[in-house]
C-alpha cells in the first residue's frame, strides 16, 4: 500500500476482498453476554481472513478502552489474539477509533501491528474512491456530543483520568458508558429519514467538491445503504449487537451482509 497525494491506494489481487466492520462494544452489557458476541466475531474473522486483502474496523470495538502507560483494560484476550494472528499473516488491519475507544496511545500499533486512525481517511481501492471513518461528530447537529467529545479528547482530561487507579477509572468509565445516552448514542439508533441523517448530509457536502464512490461509516448502529448519486453510495455498517452486519468490497461494489453462524 502506498500513499498517493491525500489518498491511500490499495490494489486488490484476483479473488481477494476488503471487509468492513464496526461497533462491537465488547464488554457491554456484561462479561457473559459480551463473551458470546466476542466469540461470534472471532468466527467471522476466521471466515473472512482467507479472502481478505485488508480488514477495516471502524471503531467502538470495545465499549470502553483507555491506555495507561503500563496498563490496558482487562479482558478481550480472544479478539486481541485473533487480530494479532491475522496481522502476523500479513493481512493489513485498519482501525478507526470510535467515541468509546478514542483513548488509544500506541498499543494496537506496537503489539498488534495495526494501523490506527483518529479521523476519517480517504482510500483508493481498485480505482474507486472511499471515505472511511467511525462517523461520530461529523456533519450538522449533534452539538451536545461534539462538546462532550472535545472534553474527552482534551489532553488535560486524559491526564486527570490517568491519575485515577485503573480499578477505579475503568469501573467509573464503564458505568458512564452504559448509562449515559449521550455518550453511548443509544438514544438515536433509528432511521431519521435521508434528509435528517447527519452522516448522509456530511457525505453530500463532501460530494460538492470531491469524487467519492463509497462513504463507509459506523457509529449509527444501523445497517444502511443510501444512494447519494448515480455514482456514489453511503453505507453504515450497523453493529455486532443486534445485526451482526458487515460490508464487503469485491473490487467493483460494496455490499452489506449479515453473519449467520452455521449449526
C-alpha atoms as a PDB file:
ATOM      1  CA  UNK A   1       0.000   0.000   0.000  1.00  0.00           C
ATOM      2  CA  UNK A   2       1.375   3.432  -0.884  1.00  0.00           C
ATOM      3  CA  UNK A   3       0.112   6.903  -0.237  1.00  0.00           C
ATOM      4  CA  UNK A   4      -0.869   8.960  -3.293  1.00  0.00           C
ATOM      5  CA  UNK A   5      -1.473  12.621  -2.518  1.00  0.00           C
ATOM      6  CA  UNK A   6      -4.014  12.577   0.349  1.00  0.00           C
ATOM      7  CA  UNK A   7      -5.262   9.082  -0.508  1.00  0.00           C
ATOM      8  CA  UNK A   8      -4.039   5.613   0.385  1.00  0.00           C
ATOM      9  CA  UNK A   9      -4.009   3.304  -2.630  1.00  0.00           C
ATOM     10  CA  UNK A  10      -4.877  -0.409  -2.488  1.00  0.00           C
ATOM     11  CA  UNK A  11      -4.955  -2.759  -5.478  1.00  0.00           C
ATOM     12  CA  UNK A  12      -6.898  -5.985  -4.982  1.00  0.00           C
ATOM     13  CA  UNK A  13      -5.443  -9.276  -6.158  1.00  0.00           C
ATOM     14  CA  UNK A  14      -7.750 -11.595  -8.074  1.00  0.00           C
ATOM     15  CA  UNK A  15     -10.211 -13.288  -5.740  1.00  0.00           C
ATOM     16  CA  UNK A  16      -9.413 -11.004  -2.810  1.00  0.00           C
ATOM     17  CA  UNK A  17     -11.851  -8.698  -0.993  1.00  0.00           C
ATOM     18  CA  UNK A  18     -11.931  -5.861   1.522  1.00  0.00           C
ATOM     19  CA  UNK A  19     -14.014  -6.342   4.675  1.00  0.00           C
ATOM     20  CA  UNK A  20     -15.514  -3.631   6.903  1.00  0.00           C
ATOM     21  CA  UNK A  21     -16.937  -3.982  10.410  1.00  0.00           C
ATOM     22  CA  UNK A  22     -17.882  -1.658  13.264  1.00  0.00           C
ATOM     23  CA  UNK A  23     -19.439  -1.253  16.713  1.00  0.00           C
ATOM     24  CA  UNK A  24     -18.887  -4.456  18.679  1.00  0.00           C
ATOM     25  CA  UNK A  25     -18.933  -2.696  22.076  1.00  0.00           C
ATOM     26  CA  UNK A  26     -17.203  -5.639  23.712  1.00  0.00           C
ATOM     27  CA  UNK A  27     -17.521  -5.549  27.471  1.00  0.00           C
ATOM     28  CA  UNK A  28     -21.160  -4.436  27.397  1.00  0.00           C
ATOM     29  CA  UNK A  29     -23.596  -5.033  28.902  1.00  0.00           C
ATOM     30  CA  UNK A  30     -21.662  -7.594  30.985  1.00  0.00           C
ATOM     31  CA  UNK A  31     -18.843 -10.103  30.606  1.00  0.00           C
ATOM     32  CA  UNK A  32     -21.084 -13.132  29.949  1.00  0.00           C
ATOM     33  CA  UNK A  33     -23.104 -11.588  27.125  1.00  0.00           C
ATOM     34  CA  UNK A  34     -20.081  -9.816  25.673  1.00  0.00           C
ATOM     35  CA  UNK A  35     -18.125 -13.078  25.514  1.00  0.00           C
ATOM     36  CA  UNK A  36     -20.828 -14.697  23.371  1.00  0.00           C
ATOM     37  CA  UNK A  37     -20.603 -11.829  20.868  1.00  0.00           C
ATOM     38  CA  UNK A  38     -16.798 -11.806  21.004  1.00  0.00           C
ATOM     39  CA  UNK A  39     -16.648 -15.500  20.072  1.00  0.00           C
ATOM     40  CA  UNK A  40     -19.105 -14.931  17.234  1.00  0.00           C
ATOM     41  CA  UNK A  41     -16.994 -12.047  15.906  1.00  0.00           C
ATOM     42  CA  UNK A  42     -13.895 -14.260  16.009  1.00  0.00           C
ATOM     43  CA  UNK A  43     -15.728 -16.872  13.926  1.00  0.00           C
ATOM     44  CA  UNK A  44     -16.430 -14.128  11.384  1.00  0.00           C
ATOM     45  CA  UNK A  45     -12.761 -13.108  11.352  1.00  0.00           C
ATOM     46  CA  UNK A  46     -11.817 -16.749  10.769  1.00  0.00           C
ATOM     47  CA  UNK A  47     -14.317 -16.968   7.912  1.00  0.00           C
ATOM     48  CA  UNK A  48     -13.043 -13.901   6.038  1.00  0.00           C
ATOM     49  CA  UNK A  49      -9.280 -13.951   6.520  1.00  0.00           C
ATOM     50  CA  UNK A  50      -8.597 -16.388   3.663  1.00  0.00           C
ATOM     51  CA  UNK A  51     -10.030 -13.961   1.099  1.00  0.00           C
ATOM     52  CA  UNK A  52      -9.192 -10.707   2.880  1.00  0.00           C
ATOM     53  CA  UNK A  53      -6.807  -8.285   1.223  1.00  0.00           C
ATOM     54  CA  UNK A  54      -7.437  -5.940   4.175  1.00  0.00           C
ATOM     55  CA  UNK A  55      -9.827  -5.609   7.099  1.00  0.00           C
ATOM     56  CA  UNK A  56     -11.218  -2.264   8.241  1.00  0.00           C
ATOM     57  CA  UNK A  57     -12.542  -1.961  11.799  1.00  0.00           C
ATOM     58  CA  UNK A  58     -14.448   1.306  12.145  1.00  0.00           C
ATOM     59  CA  UNK A  59     -14.352   1.865  15.880  1.00  0.00           C
ATOM     60  CA  UNK A  60     -16.133   1.038  19.126  1.00  0.00           C
ATOM     61  CA  UNK A  61     -14.636  -2.428  19.124  1.00  0.00           C
ATOM     62  CA  UNK A  62     -14.770  -2.005  22.893  1.00  0.00           C
ATOM     63  CA  UNK A  63     -17.442  -0.329  24.969  1.00  0.00           C
ATOM     64  CA  UNK A  64     -14.571   1.277  26.853  1.00  0.00           C
ATOM     65  CA  UNK A  65     -10.827   1.384  26.207  1.00  0.00           C
ATOM     66  CA  UNK A  66      -8.176   3.517  27.855  1.00  0.00           C
ATOM     67  CA  UNK A  67      -4.420   3.002  27.698  1.00  0.00           C
ATOM     68  CA  UNK A  68      -2.459   3.854  30.786  1.00  0.00           C
ATOM     69  CA  UNK A  69       1.320   3.865  30.313  1.00  0.00           C
ATOM     70  CA  UNK A  70       1.647   0.290  31.611  1.00  0.00           C
ATOM     71  CA  UNK A  71      -1.955  -0.946  31.724  1.00  0.00           C
ATOM     72  CA  UNK A  72      -4.779  -1.707  29.302  1.00  0.00           C
ATOM     73  CA  UNK A  73      -8.310  -2.861  30.256  1.00  0.00           C
ATOM     74  CA  UNK A  74      -8.642  -6.445  31.400  1.00  0.00           C
ATOM     75  CA  UNK A  75     -10.256  -8.954  29.054  1.00  0.00           C
ATOM     76  CA  UNK A  76     -10.746  -9.254  25.282  1.00  0.00           C
ATOM     77  CA  UNK A  77      -7.816 -11.678  25.032  1.00  0.00           C
ATOM     78  CA  UNK A  78      -9.540 -13.754  22.364  1.00  0.00           C
ATOM     79  CA  UNK A  79     -10.230 -10.938  19.932  1.00  0.00           C
ATOM     80  CA  UNK A  80      -6.844  -9.293  20.530  1.00  0.00           C
ATOM     81  CA  UNK A  81      -5.106 -12.605  19.913  1.00  0.00           C
ATOM     82  CA  UNK A  82      -7.077 -13.199  16.721  1.00  0.00           C
ATOM     83  CA  UNK A  83      -6.284  -9.707  15.396  1.00  0.00           C
ATOM     84  CA  UNK A  84      -2.592 -10.289  16.157  1.00  0.00           C
ATOM     85  CA  UNK A  85      -2.750 -13.632  14.323  1.00  0.00           C
ATOM     86  CA  UNK A  86      -4.319 -12.042  11.238  1.00  0.00           C
ATOM     87  CA  UNK A  87      -1.851  -9.156  11.282  1.00  0.00           C
ATOM     88  CA  UNK A  88       1.072 -11.578  11.621  1.00  0.00           C
ATOM     89  CA  UNK A  89      -0.135 -13.332   8.456  1.00  0.00           C
ATOM     90  CA  UNK A  90       0.457 -10.075   6.573  1.00  0.00           C
ATOM     91  CA  UNK A  91      -3.193  -9.048   6.239  1.00  0.00           C
ATOM     92  CA  UNK A  92      -3.399  -5.295   6.913  1.00  0.00           C
ATOM     93  CA  UNK A  93      -5.896  -4.215   9.570  1.00  0.00           C
ATOM     94  CA  UNK A  94      -7.001  -0.578   9.620  1.00  0.00           C
ATOM     95  CA  UNK A  95      -8.597   0.624  12.850  1.00  0.00           C
ATOM     96  CA  UNK A  96     -10.544   3.885  13.162  1.00  0.00           C
ATOM     97  CA  UNK A  97     -11.062   4.942  16.767  1.00  0.00           C
ATOM     98  CA  UNK A  98     -14.657   5.456  17.863  1.00  0.00           C
ATOM     99  CA  UNK A  99     -16.149   7.527  20.622  1.00  0.00           C
ATOM    100  CA  UNK A 100     -15.852   4.587  23.042  1.00  0.00           C
ATOM    101  CA  UNK A 101     -12.233   3.667  22.254  1.00  0.00           C
ATOM    102  CA  UNK A 102     -10.745   7.028  21.307  1.00  0.00           C
ATOM    103  CA  UNK A 103      -8.079   6.846  24.035  1.00  0.00           C
ATOM    104  CA  UNK A 104      -5.592   4.751  22.097  1.00  0.00           C
ATOM    105  CA  UNK A 105      -1.944   5.616  22.629  1.00  0.00           C
ATOM    106  CA  UNK A 106       0.040   3.089  20.586  1.00  0.00           C
ATOM    107  CA  UNK A 107      -0.825  -0.353  21.995  1.00  0.00           C
ATOM    108  CA  UNK A 108      -2.535  -1.572  18.811  1.00  0.00           C
ATOM    109  CA  UNK A 109       0.330  -0.353  16.651  1.00  0.00           C
ATOM    110  CA  UNK A 110       3.123  -1.806  18.799  1.00  0.00           C
ATOM    111  CA  UNK A 111       1.565  -5.062  19.983  1.00  0.00           C
ATOM    112  CA  UNK A 112      -0.748  -5.995  17.107  1.00  0.00           C
ATOM    113  CA  UNK A 113       0.788  -4.257  14.092  1.00  0.00           C
ATOM    114  CA  UNK A 114      -2.496  -2.482  13.357  1.00  0.00           C
ATOM    115  CA  UNK A 115      -2.674   0.955  11.742  1.00  0.00           C
ATOM    116  CA  UNK A 116      -4.816   3.304  13.853  1.00  0.00           C
ATOM    117  CA  UNK A 117      -6.562   6.454  12.599  1.00  0.00           C
ATOM    118  CA  UNK A 118      -8.127   9.210  14.682  1.00  0.00           C
ATOM    119  CA  UNK A 119     -10.004  10.846  11.793  1.00  0.00           C
ATOM    120  CA  UNK A 120     -11.746   9.758   8.571  1.00  0.00           C
ATOM    121  CA  UNK A 121      -9.347   8.832   5.765  1.00  0.00           C
ATOM    122  CA  UNK A 122      -9.594   8.633   2.003  1.00  0.00           C
ATOM    123  CA  UNK A 123      -8.599   5.458   0.185  1.00  0.00           C
ATOM    124  CA  UNK A 124      -8.419   4.476  -3.474  1.00  0.00           C
ATOM    125  CA  UNK A 125      -9.232   0.776  -3.800  1.00  0.00           C
ATOM    126  CA  UNK A 126      -9.207  -0.640  -7.318  1.00  0.00           C
ATOM    127  CA  UNK A 127      -9.521   2.908  -8.673  1.00  0.00           C
ATOM    128  CA  UNK A 128     -12.637   3.581  -6.606  1.00  0.00           C
ATOM    129  CA  UNK A 129     -12.591   6.402  -4.062  1.00  0.00           C
ATOM    130  CA  UNK A 130     -13.584   5.674  -0.452  1.00  0.00           C
ATOM    131  CA  UNK A 131     -14.047   7.938   2.554  1.00  0.00           C
ATOM    132  CA  UNK A 132     -13.907   5.798   5.694  1.00  0.00           C
ATOM    133  CA  UNK A 133     -14.323   6.636   9.375  1.00  0.00           C
ATOM    134  CA  UNK A 134     -16.222   5.880  12.562  1.00  0.00           C
ATOM    135  CA  UNK A 135     -18.610   8.768  11.959  1.00  0.00           C
ATOM    136  CA  UNK A 136     -19.010  10.384  15.374  1.00  0.00           C
ATOM    137  CA  UNK A 137     -19.098  14.176  15.478  1.00  0.00           C
ATOM    138  CA  UNK A 138     -19.397  14.629  11.718  1.00  0.00           C
ATOM    139  CA  UNK A 139     -21.985  16.650   9.854  1.00  0.00           C
ATOM    140  CA  UNK A 140     -24.563  19.133  11.179  1.00  0.00           C
ATOM    141  CA  UNK A 141     -26.166  18.977  14.610  1.00  0.00           C
ATOM    142  CA  UNK A 142     -25.173  16.571  17.392  1.00  0.00           C
ATOM    143  CA  UNK A 143     -23.806  19.577  19.280  1.00  0.00           C
ATOM    144  CA  UNK A 144     -24.067  18.036  22.733  1.00  0.00           C
ATOM    145  CA  UNK A 145     -21.952  15.071  21.737  1.00  0.00           C
ATOM    146  CA  UNK A 146     -19.426  17.281  19.941  1.00  0.00           C
ATOM    147  CA  UNK A 147     -18.906  19.330  23.106  1.00  0.00           C
ATOM    148  CA  UNK A 148     -18.517  16.172  25.176  1.00  0.00           C
ATOM    149  CA  UNK A 149     -16.019  14.719  22.695  1.00  0.00           C
ATOM    150  CA  UNK A 150     -13.834  17.826  22.975  1.00  0.00           C
ATOM    151  CA  UNK A 151     -13.719  17.348  26.743  1.00  0.00           C
ATOM    152  CA  UNK A 152     -12.821  13.667  26.458  1.00  0.00           C
ATOM    153  CA  UNK A 153     -10.087  14.270  23.884  1.00  0.00           C
ATOM    154  CA  UNK A 154      -8.551  17.157  25.794  1.00  0.00           C
ATOM    155  CA  UNK A 155      -5.026  16.313  26.965  1.00  0.00           C
ATOM    156  CA  UNK A 156      -5.705  17.676  30.461  1.00  0.00           C
ATOM    157  CA  UNK A 157      -8.799  15.473  30.789  1.00  0.00           C
ATOM    158  CA  UNK A 158      -6.807  12.404  29.780  1.00  0.00           C
ATOM    159  CA  UNK A 159      -4.027  13.304  32.206  1.00  0.00           C
ATOM    160  CA  UNK A 160      -6.507  13.725  35.053  1.00  0.00           C
ATOM    161  CA  UNK A 161      -8.156  10.377  34.276  1.00  0.00           C
ATOM    162  CA  UNK A 162      -4.773   8.661  34.119  1.00  0.00           C
ATOM    163  CA  UNK A 163      -4.130   9.681  37.727  1.00  0.00           C
ATOM    164  CA  UNK A 164      -7.067   7.512  38.810  1.00  0.00           C
ATOM    165  CA  UNK A 165      -6.180   3.968  39.793  1.00  0.00           C
ATOM    166  CA  UNK A 166      -7.180   1.700  36.854  1.00  0.00           C
ATOM    167  CA  UNK A 167      -9.563  -0.327  39.048  1.00  0.00           C
ATOM    168  CA  UNK A 168     -11.499   2.842  39.818  1.00  0.00           C
ATOM    169  CA  UNK A 169     -11.071   4.595  36.463  1.00  0.00           C
ATOM    170  CA  UNK A 170     -12.248   1.666  34.374  1.00  0.00           C
ATOM    171  CA  UNK A 171     -15.198   0.991  36.685  1.00  0.00           C
ATOM    172  CA  UNK A 172     -16.367   4.612  36.502  1.00  0.00           C
ATOM    173  CA  UNK A 173     -15.907   4.789  32.731  1.00  0.00           C
ATOM    174  CA  UNK A 174     -17.800   1.539  32.151  1.00  0.00           C
ATOM    175  CA  UNK A 175     -20.694   2.806  34.253  1.00  0.00           C
ATOM    176  CA  UNK A 176     -20.890   6.082  32.341  1.00  0.00           C
ATOM    177  CA  UNK A 177     -20.540   4.307  29.002  1.00  0.00           C
ATOM    178  CA  UNK A 178     -23.626   2.176  29.604  1.00  0.00           C
ATOM    179  CA  UNK A 179     -25.736   4.739  31.481  1.00  0.00           C
ATOM    180  CA  UNK A 180     -25.078   7.980  29.599  1.00  0.00           C
ATOM    181  CA  UNK A 181     -27.196   8.004  26.432  1.00  0.00           C
ATOM    182  CA  UNK A 182     -25.343  10.988  25.016  1.00  0.00           C
ATOM    183  CA  UNK A 183     -22.074   9.104  25.284  1.00  0.00           C
ATOM    184  CA  UNK A 184     -23.368   5.729  24.167  1.00  0.00           C
ATOM    185  CA  UNK A 185     -25.542   7.014  21.334  1.00  0.00           C
ATOM    186  CA  UNK A 186     -28.349   4.567  22.113  1.00  0.00           C
ATOM    187  CA  UNK A 187     -30.922   7.346  22.077  1.00  0.00           C
ATOM    188  CA  UNK A 188     -30.860   7.698  18.293  1.00  0.00           C
ATOM    189  CA  UNK A 189     -30.469   4.237  16.778  1.00  0.00           C
ATOM    190  CA  UNK A 190     -33.454   4.599  14.489  1.00  0.00           C
ATOM    191  CA  UNK A 191     -33.538   5.785  10.898  1.00  0.00           C
ATOM    192  CA  UNK A 192     -34.285   9.520  10.800  1.00  0.00           C
ATOM    193  CA  UNK A 193     -35.014   9.768   7.098  1.00  0.00           C
ATOM    194  CA  UNK A 194     -32.416  10.607   4.481  1.00  0.00           C
ATOM    195  CA  UNK A 195     -32.825  14.371   4.894  1.00  0.00           C
ATOM    196  CA  UNK A 196     -32.193  14.146   8.640  1.00  0.00           C
ATOM    197  CA  UNK A 197     -29.356  11.638   8.707  1.00  0.00           C
ATOM    198  CA  UNK A 198     -26.353  13.816   9.572  1.00  0.00           C
ATOM    199  CA  UNK A 199     -23.773  11.429   8.100  1.00  0.00           C
ATOM    200  CA  UNK A 200     -25.723  11.448   4.836  1.00  0.00           C
ATOM    201  CA  UNK A 201     -25.689  15.244   4.896  1.00  0.00           C
ATOM    202  CA  UNK A 202     -21.963  15.208   5.635  1.00  0.00           C
ATOM    203  CA  UNK A 203     -21.365  12.887   2.668  1.00  0.00           C
ATOM    204  CA  UNK A 204     -23.443  15.009   0.310  1.00  0.00           C
ATOM    205  CA  UNK A 205     -21.458  18.079   1.343  1.00  0.00           C
ATOM    206  CA  UNK A 206     -18.196  16.302   0.504  1.00  0.00           C
ATOM    207  CA  UNK A 207     -19.603  15.328  -2.898  1.00  0.00           C
ATOM    208  CA  UNK A 208     -19.966  19.003  -3.792  1.00  0.00           C
ATOM    209  CA  UNK A 209     -16.186  19.289  -4.176  1.00  0.00           C
ATOM    210  CA  UNK A 210     -14.857  15.722  -4.383  1.00  0.00           C
ATOM    211  CA  UNK A 211     -15.458  12.462  -6.203  1.00  0.00           C
ATOM    212  CA  UNK A 212     -16.156   9.683  -3.721  1.00  0.00           C
ATOM    213  CA  UNK A 213     -17.797   6.429  -4.800  1.00  0.00           C
ATOM    214  CA  UNK A 214     -18.265   4.978  -1.312  1.00  0.00           C
ATOM    215  CA  UNK A 215     -18.734   6.626   2.086  1.00  0.00           C
ATOM    216  CA  UNK A 216     -18.402   3.978   4.793  1.00  0.00           C
ATOM    217  CA  UNK A 217     -19.116   4.737   8.447  1.00  0.00           C
ATOM    218  CA  UNK A 218     -20.167   3.094  11.706  1.00  0.00           C
ATOM    219  CA  UNK A 219     -21.420   4.743  14.908  1.00  0.00           C
ATOM    220  CA  UNK A 220     -25.130   4.762  13.996  1.00  0.00           C
ATOM    221  CA  UNK A 221     -25.677   1.055  14.818  1.00  0.00           C
ATOM    222  CA  UNK A 222     -27.935   0.772  11.780  1.00  0.00           C
ATOM    223  CA  UNK A 223     -27.162  -1.130   8.570  1.00  0.00           C
ATOM    224  CA  UNK A 224     -27.870   1.471   5.884  1.00  0.00           C
ATOM    225  CA  UNK A 225     -27.285   1.716   2.144  1.00  0.00           C
ATOM    226  CA  UNK A 226     -28.289   5.047   0.627  1.00  0.00           C
ATOM    227  CA  UNK A 227     -27.678   6.098  -2.963  1.00  0.00           C
ATOM    228  CA  UNK A 228     -26.305   9.646  -2.991  1.00  0.00           C
ATOM    229  CA  UNK A 229     -25.910   9.973  -6.751  1.00  0.00           C
ATOM    230  CA  UNK A 230     -25.603   7.785  -9.827  1.00  0.00           C
ATOM    231  CA  UNK A 231     -22.014   7.003  -8.856  1.00  0.00           C
ATOM    232  CA  UNK A 232     -21.907   7.423  -5.074  1.00  0.00           C
ATOM    233  CA  UNK A 233     -23.274   5.460  -2.123  1.00  0.00           C
ATOM    234  CA  UNK A 234     -23.373   5.898   1.653  1.00  0.00           C
ATOM    235  CA  UNK A 235     -23.036   2.736   3.757  1.00  0.00           C
ATOM    236  CA  UNK A 236     -23.441   2.440   7.511  1.00  0.00           C
ATOM    237  CA  UNK A 237     -22.154  -0.846   8.861  1.00  0.00           C
ATOM    238  CA  UNK A 238     -24.665  -1.474  11.642  1.00  0.00           C
ATOM    239  CA  UNK A 239     -23.279  -3.334  14.665  1.00  0.00           C
ATOM    240  CA  UNK A 240     -22.371  -6.648  16.307  1.00  0.00           C
ATOM    241  CA  UNK A 241     -25.019  -6.338  18.996  1.00  0.00           C
ATOM    242  CA  UNK A 242     -28.314  -6.591  17.138  1.00  0.00           C
ATOM    243  CA  UNK A 243     -27.436  -7.084  13.465  1.00  0.00           C
ATOM    244  CA  UNK A 244     -24.030  -8.798  13.184  1.00  0.00           C
ATOM    245  CA  UNK A 245     -23.629  -6.876   9.956  1.00  0.00           C
ATOM    246  CA  UNK A 246     -20.581  -6.025   7.877  1.00  0.00           C
ATOM    247  CA  UNK A 247     -19.682  -4.892   4.366  1.00  0.00           C
ATOM    248  CA  UNK A 248     -17.616  -6.423   1.581  1.00  0.00           C
ATOM    249  CA  UNK A 249     -15.922  -4.765  -1.376  1.00  0.00           C
ATOM    250  CA  UNK A 250     -15.240  -7.266  -4.159  1.00  0.00           C
ATOM    251  CA  UNK A 251     -13.320  -4.885  -6.393  1.00  0.00           C
ATOM    252  CA  UNK A 252     -16.405  -3.418  -8.028  1.00  0.00           C
ATOM    253  CA  UNK A 253     -19.174  -2.809  -5.482  1.00  0.00           C
ATOM    254  CA  UNK A 254     -19.773  -2.697  -1.729  1.00  0.00           C
ATOM    255  CA  UNK A 255     -22.441  -4.995  -0.280  1.00  0.00           C
ATOM    256  CA  UNK A 256     -23.870  -5.149   3.235  1.00  0.00           C
ATOM    257  CA  UNK A 257     -24.055  -8.661   4.642  1.00  0.00           C
ATOM    258  CA  UNK A 258     -25.107 -10.370   7.878  1.00  0.00           C
ATOM    259  CA  UNK A 259     -23.070 -13.045   9.625  1.00  0.00           C
ATOM    260  CA  UNK A 260     -25.018 -16.168  10.480  1.00  0.00           C
ATOM    261  CA  UNK A 261     -23.285 -18.994  12.280  1.00  0.00           C
ATOM    262  CA  UNK A 262     -23.689 -22.465  10.832  1.00  0.00           C
ATOM    263  CA  UNK A 263     -25.377 -25.067  13.021  1.00  0.00           C
END
